[in-house]
PDB file of N, CA and C in Angstrom:
ATOM      1  N   MET A   1      33.290 -59.911 -67.832  1.00  0.00           N
ATOM      2  CA  MET A   1      34.191 -59.828 -66.705  1.00  0.00           C
ATOM      3  C   MET A   1      33.381 -60.012 -65.431  1.00  0.00           C
ATOM      4  N   SER A   2      33.969 -60.648 -64.442  1.00  0.00           N
ATOM      5  CA  SER A   2      33.286 -60.904 -63.178  1.00  0.00           C
ATOM      6  C   SER A   2      33.775 -59.956 -62.100  1.00  0.00           C
ATOM      7  N   ALA A   3      32.918 -59.731 -61.129  1.00  0.00           N
ATOM      8  CA  ALA A   3      33.293 -58.922 -59.962  1.00  0.00           C
ATOM      9  C   ALA A   3      33.482 -59.855 -58.779  1.00  0.00           C
ATOM     10  N   MET A   4      34.455 -59.518 -57.930  1.00  0.00           N
ATOM     11  CA  MET A   4      34.727 -60.325 -56.755  1.00  0.00           C
ATOM     12  C   MET A   4      34.999 -59.371 -55.590  1.00  0.00           C
ATOM     13  N   SER A   5      34.411 -59.654 -54.486  1.00  0.00           N
ATOM     14  CA  SER A   5      34.645 -58.860 -53.290  1.00  0.00           C
ATOM     15  C   SER A   5      35.525 -59.678 -52.360  1.00  0.00           C
ATOM     16  N   ILE A   6      36.620 -59.084 -51.898  1.00  0.00           N
ATOM     17  CA  ILE A   6      37.511 -59.801 -50.984  1.00  0.00           C
ATOM     18  C   ILE A   6      37.769 -58.950 -49.744  1.00  0.00           C
ATOM     19  N   ARG A   7      38.056 -59.623 -48.664  1.00  0.00           N
ATOM     20  CA  ARG A   7      38.412 -58.941 -47.421  1.00  0.00           C
ATOM     21  C   ARG A   7      39.915 -59.054 -47.243  1.00  0.00           C
ATOM     22  N   LEU A   8      40.544 -57.905 -46.988  1.00  0.00           N
ATOM     23  CA  LEU A   8      41.987 -57.860 -46.809  1.00  0.00           C
ATOM     24  C   LEU A   8      42.320 -57.236 -45.467  1.00  0.00           C
ATOM     25  N   PRO A   9      43.387 -57.682 -44.834  1.00  0.00           N
ATOM     26  CA  PRO A   9      43.863 -56.959 -43.662  1.00  0.00           C
ATOM     27  C   PRO A   9      44.233 -55.530 -44.075  1.00  0.00           C
ATOM     28  N   ASP A  10      44.060 -54.588 -43.163  1.00  0.00           N
ATOM     29  CA  ASP A  10      44.344 -53.185 -43.484  1.00  0.00           C
ATOM     30  C   ASP A  10      45.766 -52.997 -44.008  1.00  0.00           C
ATOM     31  N   SER A  11      46.727 -53.679 -43.397  1.00  0.00           N
ATOM     32  CA  SER A  11      48.123 -53.507 -43.824  1.00  0.00           C
ATOM     33  C   SER A  11      48.329 -53.975 -45.266  1.00  0.00           C
ATOM     34  N   LEU A  12      47.697 -55.056 -45.638  1.00  0.00           N
ATOM     35  CA  LEU A  12      47.815 -55.558 -47.005  1.00  0.00           C
ATOM     36  C   LEU A  12      47.156 -54.597 -47.992  1.00  0.00           C
ATOM     37  N   HIS A  13      46.015 -54.058 -47.614  1.00  0.00           N
ATOM     38  CA  HIS A  13      45.323 -53.098 -48.469  1.00  0.00           C
ATOM     39  C   HIS A  13      46.165 -51.835 -48.654  1.00  0.00           C
ATOM     40  N   ARG A  14      46.776 -51.350 -47.561  1.00  0.00           N
ATOM     41  CA  ARG A  14      47.650 -50.171 -47.665  1.00  0.00           C
ATOM     42  C   ARG A  14      48.807 -50.442 -48.622  1.00  0.00           C
ATOM     43  N   ASN A  15      49.437 -51.615 -48.473  1.00  0.00           N
ATOM     44  CA  ASN A  15      50.544 -51.962 -49.373  1.00  0.00           C
ATOM     45  C   ASN A  15      50.073 -52.054 -50.815  1.00  0.00           C
ATOM     46  N   ALA A  16      48.924 -52.644 -51.019  1.00  0.00           N
ATOM     47  CA  ALA A  16      48.382 -52.763 -52.378  1.00  0.00           C
ATOM     48  C   ALA A  16      48.140 -51.385 -52.988  1.00  0.00           C
ATOM     49  N   ARG A  17      47.558 -50.484 -52.205  1.00  0.00           N
ATOM     50  CA  ARG A  17      47.327 -49.115 -52.712  1.00  0.00           C
ATOM     51  C   ARG A  17      48.645 -48.433 -53.049  1.00  0.00           C
ATOM     52  N   ALA A  18      49.642 -48.601 -52.169  1.00  0.00           N
ATOM     53  CA  ALA A  18      50.930 -47.944 -52.391  1.00  0.00           C
ATOM     54  C   ALA A  18      51.614 -48.481 -53.651  1.00  0.00           C
ATOM     55  N   TYR A  19      51.636 -49.799 -53.814  1.00  0.00           N
ATOM     56  CA  TYR A  19      52.284 -50.367 -54.997  1.00  0.00           C
ATOM     57  C   TYR A  19      51.496 -50.087 -56.268  1.00  0.00           C
ATOM     58  N   ALA A  20      50.196 -50.083 -56.170  1.00  0.00           N
ATOM     59  CA  ALA A  20      49.384 -49.748 -57.350  1.00  0.00           C
ATOM     60  C   ALA A  20      49.676 -48.319 -57.795  1.00  0.00           C
ATOM     61  N   ALA A  21      49.752 -47.408 -56.831  1.00  0.00           N
ATOM     62  CA  ALA A  21      50.057 -46.014 -57.170  1.00  0.00           C
ATOM     63  C   ALA A  21      51.448 -45.912 -57.795  1.00  0.00           C
ATOM     64  N   ARG A  22      52.389 -46.623 -57.217  1.00  0.00           N
ATOM     65  CA  ARG A  22      53.759 -46.584 -57.748  1.00  0.00           C
ATOM     66  C   ARG A  22      53.815 -47.113 -59.170  1.00  0.00           C
ATOM     67  N   GLU A  23      53.015 -48.137 -59.467  1.00  0.00           N
ATOM     68  CA  GLU A  23      52.994 -48.744 -60.794  1.00  0.00           C
ATOM     69  C   GLU A  23      52.070 -48.007 -61.761  1.00  0.00           C
ATOM     70  N   GLY A  24      51.273 -47.085 -61.237  1.00  0.00           N
ATOM     71  CA  GLY A  24      50.361 -46.338 -62.097  1.00  0.00           C
ATOM     72  C   GLY A  24      49.163 -47.139 -62.550  1.00  0.00           C
ATOM     73  N   VAL A  25      48.723 -48.077 -61.708  1.00  0.00           N
ATOM     74  CA  VAL A  25      47.557 -48.891 -62.030  1.00  0.00           C
ATOM     75  C   VAL A  25      46.577 -48.842 -60.866  1.00  0.00           C
ATOM     76  N   SER A  26      45.370 -49.319 -61.089  1.00  0.00           N
ATOM     77  CA  SER A  26      44.391 -49.383 -60.011  1.00  0.00           C
ATOM     78  C   SER A  26      44.704 -50.569 -59.105  1.00  0.00           C
ATOM     79  N   VAL A  27      44.162 -50.540 -57.907  1.00  0.00           N
ATOM     80  CA  VAL A  27      44.318 -51.685 -57.005  1.00  0.00           C
ATOM     81  C   VAL A  27      43.697 -52.918 -57.652  1.00  0.00           C
ATOM     82  N   ASN A  28      42.570 -52.748 -58.322  1.00  0.00           N
ATOM     83  CA  ASN A  28      41.940 -53.884 -59.000  1.00  0.00           C
ATOM     84  C   ASN A  28      42.885 -54.513 -60.024  1.00  0.00           C
ATOM     85  N   GLN A  29      43.559 -53.664 -60.810  1.00  0.00           N
ATOM     86  CA  GLN A  29      44.490 -54.176 -61.825  1.00  0.00           C
ATOM     87  C   GLN A  29      45.673 -54.861 -61.159  1.00  0.00           C
ATOM     88  N   LEU A  30      46.174 -54.284 -60.076  1.00  0.00           N
ATOM     89  CA  LEU A  30      47.287 -54.889 -59.354  1.00  0.00           C
ATOM     90  C   LEU A  30      46.901 -56.275 -58.832  1.00  0.00           C
ATOM     91  N   VAL A  31      45.719 -56.373 -58.234  1.00  0.00           N
ATOM     92  CA  VAL A  31      45.255 -57.652 -57.684  1.00  0.00           C
ATOM     93  C   VAL A  31      45.027 -58.659 -58.814  1.00  0.00           C
ATOM     94  N   ALA A  32      44.441 -58.223 -59.912  1.00  0.00           N
ATOM     95  CA  ALA A  32      44.207 -59.135 -61.037  1.00  0.00           C
ATOM     96  C   ALA A  32      45.528 -59.647 -61.604  1.00  0.00           C
ATOM     97  N   THR A  33      46.508 -58.771 -61.721  1.00  0.00           N
ATOM     98  CA  THR A  33      47.814 -59.168 -62.232  1.00  0.00           C
ATOM     99  C   THR A  33      48.510 -60.115 -61.265  1.00  0.00           C
ATOM    100  N   ALA A  34      48.450 -59.812 -59.973  1.00  0.00           N
ATOM    101  CA  ALA A  34      49.067 -60.682 -58.970  1.00  0.00           C
ATOM    102  C   ALA A  34      48.417 -62.060 -58.975  1.00  0.00           C
ATOM    103  N   LEU A  35      47.115 -62.097 -59.087  1.00  0.00           N
ATOM    104  CA  LEU A  35      46.406 -63.380 -59.133  1.00  0.00           C
ATOM    105  C   LEU A  35      46.775 -64.148 -60.394  1.00  0.00           C
ATOM    106  N   ALA A  36      46.874 -63.454 -61.526  1.00  0.00           N
ATOM    107  CA  ALA A  36      47.249 -64.115 -62.775  1.00  0.00           C
ATOM    108  C   ALA A  36      48.649 -64.707 -62.659  1.00  0.00           C
ATOM    109  N   GLU A  37      49.575 -63.977 -62.047  1.00  0.00           N
ATOM    110  CA  GLU A  37      50.938 -64.479 -61.868  1.00  0.00           C
ATOM    111  C   GLU A  37      50.943 -65.717 -60.970  1.00  0.00           C
ATOM    112  N   LYS A  38      50.197 -65.681 -59.888  1.00  0.00           N
ATOM    113  CA  LYS A  38      50.143 -66.817 -58.973  1.00  0.00           C
ATOM    114  C   LYS A  38      49.533 -68.035 -59.665  1.00  0.00           C
ATOM    115  N   LEU A  39      48.442 -67.829 -60.398  1.00  0.00           N
ATOM    116  CA  LEU A  39      47.805 -68.944 -61.102  1.00  0.00           C
ATOM    117  C   LEU A  39      48.727 -69.532 -62.162  1.00  0.00           C
ATOM    118  N   ALA A  40      49.507 -68.682 -62.841  1.00  0.00           N
ATOM    119  CA  ALA A  40      50.464 -69.175 -63.832  1.00  0.00           C
ATOM    120  C   ALA A  40      51.543 -70.015 -63.150  1.00  0.00           C
ATOM    121  N   ALA A  41      52.016 -69.580 -61.990  1.00  0.00           N
ATOM    122  CA  ALA A  41      53.034 -70.341 -61.261  1.00  0.00           C
ATOM    123  C   ALA A  41      52.481 -71.683 -60.800  1.00  0.00           C
ATOM    124  N   LEU A  42      51.255 -71.690 -60.289  1.00  0.00           N
ATOM    125  CA  LEU A  42      50.639 -72.946 -59.862  1.00  0.00           C
ATOM    126  C   LEU A  42      50.418 -73.882 -61.045  1.00  0.00           C
ATOM    127  N   GLY A  43      49.999 -73.315 -62.168  1.00  0.00           N
ATOM    128  CA  GLY A  43      49.806 -74.120 -63.375  1.00  0.00           C
ATOM    129  C   GLY A  43      51.121 -74.711 -63.864  1.00  0.00           C
ATOM    130  N   ALA A  44      52.199 -73.932 -63.811  1.00  0.00           N
ATOM    131  CA  ALA A  44      53.510 -74.437 -64.218  1.00  0.00           C
ATOM    132  C   ALA A  44      53.952 -75.561 -63.296  1.00  0.00           C
ATOM    133  N   GLU A  45      53.716 -75.400 -62.008  1.00  0.00           N
ATOM    134  CA  GLU A  45      54.064 -76.451 -61.047  1.00  0.00           C
ATOM    135  C   GLU A  45      53.284 -77.731 -61.341  1.00  0.00           C
ATOM    136  N   ASP A  46      51.991 -77.593 -61.603  1.00  0.00           N
ATOM    137  CA  ASP A  46      51.176 -78.763 -61.957  1.00  0.00           C
ATOM    138  C   ASP A  46      51.713 -79.445 -63.212  1.00  0.00           C
ATOM    139  N   HIS A  47      52.052 -78.639 -64.212  1.00  0.00           N
ATOM    140  CA  HIS A  47      52.566 -79.178 -65.472  1.00  0.00           C
ATOM    141  C   HIS A  47      53.870 -79.946 -65.240  1.00  0.00           C
ATOM    142  N   LEU A  48      54.781 -79.352 -64.458  1.00  0.00           N
ATOM    143  CA  LEU A  48      56.060 -80.014 -64.208  1.00  0.00           C
ATOM    144  C   LEU A  48      55.884 -81.300 -63.406  1.00  0.00           C
ATOM    145  N   ARG A  49      54.964 -81.273 -62.424  1.00  0.00           N
ATOM    146  CA  ARG A  49      54.702 -82.503 -61.657  1.00  0.00           C
ATOM    147  C   ARG A  49      54.137 -83.590 -62.575  1.00  0.00           C
ATOM    148  N   SER A  50      53.252 -83.202 -63.484  1.00  0.00           N
ATOM    149  CA  SER A  50      52.664 -84.157 -64.424  1.00  0.00           C
ATOM    150  C   SER A  50      53.739 -84.751 -65.326  1.00  0.00           C
ATOM    151  N   ARG A  51      54.616 -83.898 -65.846  1.00  0.00           N
ATOM    152  CA  ARG A  51      55.707 -84.378 -66.700  1.00  0.00           C
ATOM    153  C   ARG A  51      56.650 -85.283 -65.917  1.00  0.00           C
ATOM    154  N   ALA A  52      56.964 -84.909 -64.680  1.00  0.00           N
ATOM    155  CA  ALA A  52      57.871 -85.712 -63.861  1.00  0.00           C
ATOM    156  C   ALA A  52      57.269 -87.087 -63.582  1.00  0.00           C
ATOM    157  N   ALA A  53      55.954 -87.134 -63.387  1.00  0.00           N
ATOM    158  CA  ALA A  53      55.299 -88.410 -63.102  1.00  0.00           C
ATOM    159  C   ALA A  53      55.375 -89.361 -64.294  1.00  0.00           C
ATOM    160  N   ARG A  54      55.474 -88.806 -65.505  1.00  0.00           N
ATOM    161  CA  ARG A  54      55.559 -89.640 -66.706  1.00  0.00           C
ATOM    162  C   ARG A  54      56.987 -90.037 -67.043  1.00  0.00           C
ATOM    163  N   GLY A  55      57.950 -89.434 -66.335  1.00  0.00           N
ATOM    164  CA  GLY A  55      59.351 -89.689 -66.637  1.00  0.00           C
ATOM    165  C   GLY A  55      59.757 -91.122 -66.322  1.00  0.00           C
ATOM    166  N   GLN A  56      60.727 -91.605 -67.076  1.00  0.00           N
ATOM    167  CA  GLN A  56      61.246 -92.962 -66.875  1.00  0.00           C
ATOM    168  C   GLN A  56      62.761 -92.875 -66.744  1.00  0.00           C
ATOM    169  N   ARG A  57      63.274 -93.384 -65.640  1.00  0.00           N
ATOM    170  CA  ARG A  57      64.715 -93.299 -65.380  1.00  0.00           C
ATOM    171  C   ARG A  57      65.519 -93.961 -66.498  1.00  0.00           C
ATOM    172  N   GLY A  58      65.064 -95.098 -66.994  1.00  0.00           N
ATOM    173  CA  GLY A  58      65.794 -95.787 -68.061  1.00  0.00           C
ATOM    174  C   GLY A  58      65.909 -94.941 -69.316  1.00  0.00           C
ATOM    175  N   ALA A  59      64.824 -94.289 -69.697  1.00  0.00           N
ATOM    176  CA  ALA A  59      64.834 -93.431 -70.890  1.00  0.00           C
ATOM    177  C   ALA A  59      65.769 -92.242 -70.668  1.00  0.00           C
ATOM    178  N   PHE A  60      65.781 -91.699 -69.464  1.00  0.00           N
ATOM    179  CA  PHE A  60      66.681 -90.590 -69.144  1.00  0.00           C
ATOM    180  C   PHE A  60      68.137 -91.040 -69.264  1.00  0.00           C
ATOM    181  N   ASP A  61      68.449 -92.198 -68.702  1.00  0.00           N
ATOM    182  CA  ASP A  61      69.816 -92.706 -68.759  1.00  0.00           C
ATOM    183  C   ASP A  61      70.253 -92.957 -70.208  1.00  0.00           C
ATOM    184  N   GLN A  62      69.336 -93.464 -71.044  1.00  0.00           N
ATOM    185  CA  GLN A  62      69.657 -93.693 -72.452  1.00  0.00           C
ATOM    186  C   GLN A  62      69.957 -92.378 -73.164  1.00  0.00           C
ATOM    187  N   ALA A  63      69.138 -91.366 -72.905  1.00  0.00           N
ATOM    188  CA  ALA A  63      69.358 -90.066 -73.540  1.00  0.00           C
ATOM    189  C   ALA A  63      70.664 -89.450 -73.050  1.00  0.00           C
ATOM    190  N   LEU A  64      70.940 -89.571 -71.778  1.00  0.00           N
ATOM    191  CA  LEU A  64      72.160 -89.001 -71.214  1.00  0.00           C
ATOM    192  C   LEU A  64      73.391 -89.699 -71.780  1.00  0.00           C
ATOM    193  N   ALA A  65      73.270 -90.981 -72.060  1.00  0.00           N
ATOM    194  CA  ALA A  65      74.397 -91.727 -72.623  1.00  0.00           C
ATOM    195  C   ALA A  65      74.773 -91.226 -74.021  1.00  0.00           C
ATOM    196  N   LEU A  66      73.858 -90.564 -74.707  1.00  0.00           N
ATOM    197  CA  LEU A  66      74.129 -90.038 -76.051  1.00  0.00           C
ATOM    198  C   LEU A  66      74.889 -88.715 -76.023  1.00  0.00           C
ATOM    199  N   VAL A  67      74.962 -88.084 -74.872  1.00  0.00           N
ATOM    200  CA  VAL A  67      75.636 -86.790 -74.762  1.00  0.00           C
ATOM    201  C   VAL A  67      77.140 -87.031 -74.700  1.00  0.00           C
ATOM    202  N   PRO A  68      77.896 -86.389 -75.577  1.00  0.00           N
ATOM    203  CA  PRO A  68      79.340 -86.614 -75.564  1.00  0.00           C
ATOM    204  C   PRO A  68      79.980 -86.035 -74.302  1.00  0.00           C
ATOM    205  N   SER A  69      81.037 -86.683 -73.868  1.00  0.00           N
ATOM    206  CA  SER A  69      81.770 -86.203 -72.702  1.00  0.00           C
ATOM    207  C   SER A  69      82.646 -85.034 -73.129  1.00  0.00           C
ATOM    208  N   ALA A  70      82.578 -83.944 -72.402  1.00  0.00           N
ATOM    209  CA  ALA A  70      83.369 -82.761 -72.732  1.00  0.00           C
ATOM    210  C   ALA A  70      83.659 -81.995 -71.462  1.00  0.00           C
ATOM    211  N   ALA A  71      84.747 -81.281 -71.481  1.00  0.00           N
ATOM    212  CA  ALA A  71      85.092 -80.447 -70.330  1.00  0.00           C
ATOM    213  C   ALA A  71      84.086 -79.305 -70.251  1.00  0.00           C
ATOM    214  N   PRO A  72      83.755 -78.853 -69.034  1.00  0.00           N
ATOM    215  CA  PRO A  72      82.814 -77.743 -68.916  1.00  0.00           C
ATOM    216  C   PRO A  72      83.405 -76.446 -69.463  1.00  0.00           C
ATOM    217  N   VAL A  73      82.517 -75.585 -69.910  1.00  0.00           N
ATOM    218  CA  VAL A  73      82.928 -74.264 -70.373  1.00  0.00           C
ATOM    219  C   VAL A  73      83.486 -73.507 -69.173  1.00  0.00           C
ATOM    220  N   GLU A  74      84.475 -72.678 -69.398  1.00  0.00           N
ATOM    221  CA  GLU A  74      85.096 -71.935 -68.308  1.00  0.00           C
ATOM    222  C   GLU A  74      84.041 -71.187 -67.491  1.00  0.00           C
ATOM    223  N   GLY A  75      84.114 -71.341 -66.176  1.00  0.00           N
ATOM    224  CA  GLY A  75      83.160 -70.690 -65.290  1.00  0.00           C
ATOM    225  C   GLY A  75      81.904 -71.520 -65.038  1.00  0.00           C
ATOM    226  N   ASP A  76      81.741 -72.619 -65.764  1.00  0.00           N
ATOM    227  CA  ASP A  76      80.556 -73.455 -65.623  1.00  0.00           C
ATOM    228  C   ASP A  76      80.905 -74.748 -64.899  1.00  0.00           C
ATOM    229  N   VAL A  77      81.434 -74.589 -63.692  1.00  0.00           N
ATOM    230  CA  VAL A  77      81.815 -75.743 -62.886  1.00  0.00           C
ATOM    231  C   VAL A  77      81.177 -75.634 -61.512  1.00  0.00           C
ATOM    232  N   LEU A  78      81.002 -76.777 -60.882  1.00  0.00           N
ATOM    233  CA  LEU A  78      80.461 -76.781 -59.531  1.00  0.00           C
ATOM    234  C   LEU A  78      81.544 -76.378 -58.546  1.00  0.00           C
ATOM    235  N   PRO A  79      81.170 -75.649 -57.501  1.00  0.00           N
ATOM    236  CA  PRO A  79      82.192 -75.289 -56.506  1.00  0.00           C
ATOM    237  C   PRO A  79      82.651 -76.527 -55.743  1.00  0.00           C
ATOM    238  N   ASP A  80      83.859 -76.471 -55.235  1.00  0.00           N
ATOM    239  CA  ASP A  80      84.401 -77.599 -54.458  1.00  0.00           C
ATOM    240  C   ASP A  80      83.670 -77.793 -53.168  1.00  0.00           C
TER     241      ASP A  80
END
């Protein structure tokens, strides 16, 4: 495991301490979890951008053409 020293504004540090206490974890654990969540979100965004870049409109239209036409399920309609 690695150690990292970071500088935080006092207000952010106070909030981190308060939420860590509320969650019953250390500030270090709170920060590690928050960083892991952020990195996962960034990774998901990268993955989706990569997939979108490989997409082909023609292939999408062909796949969509295979979907049968049906009325939407009750409550599953766009508002007017």
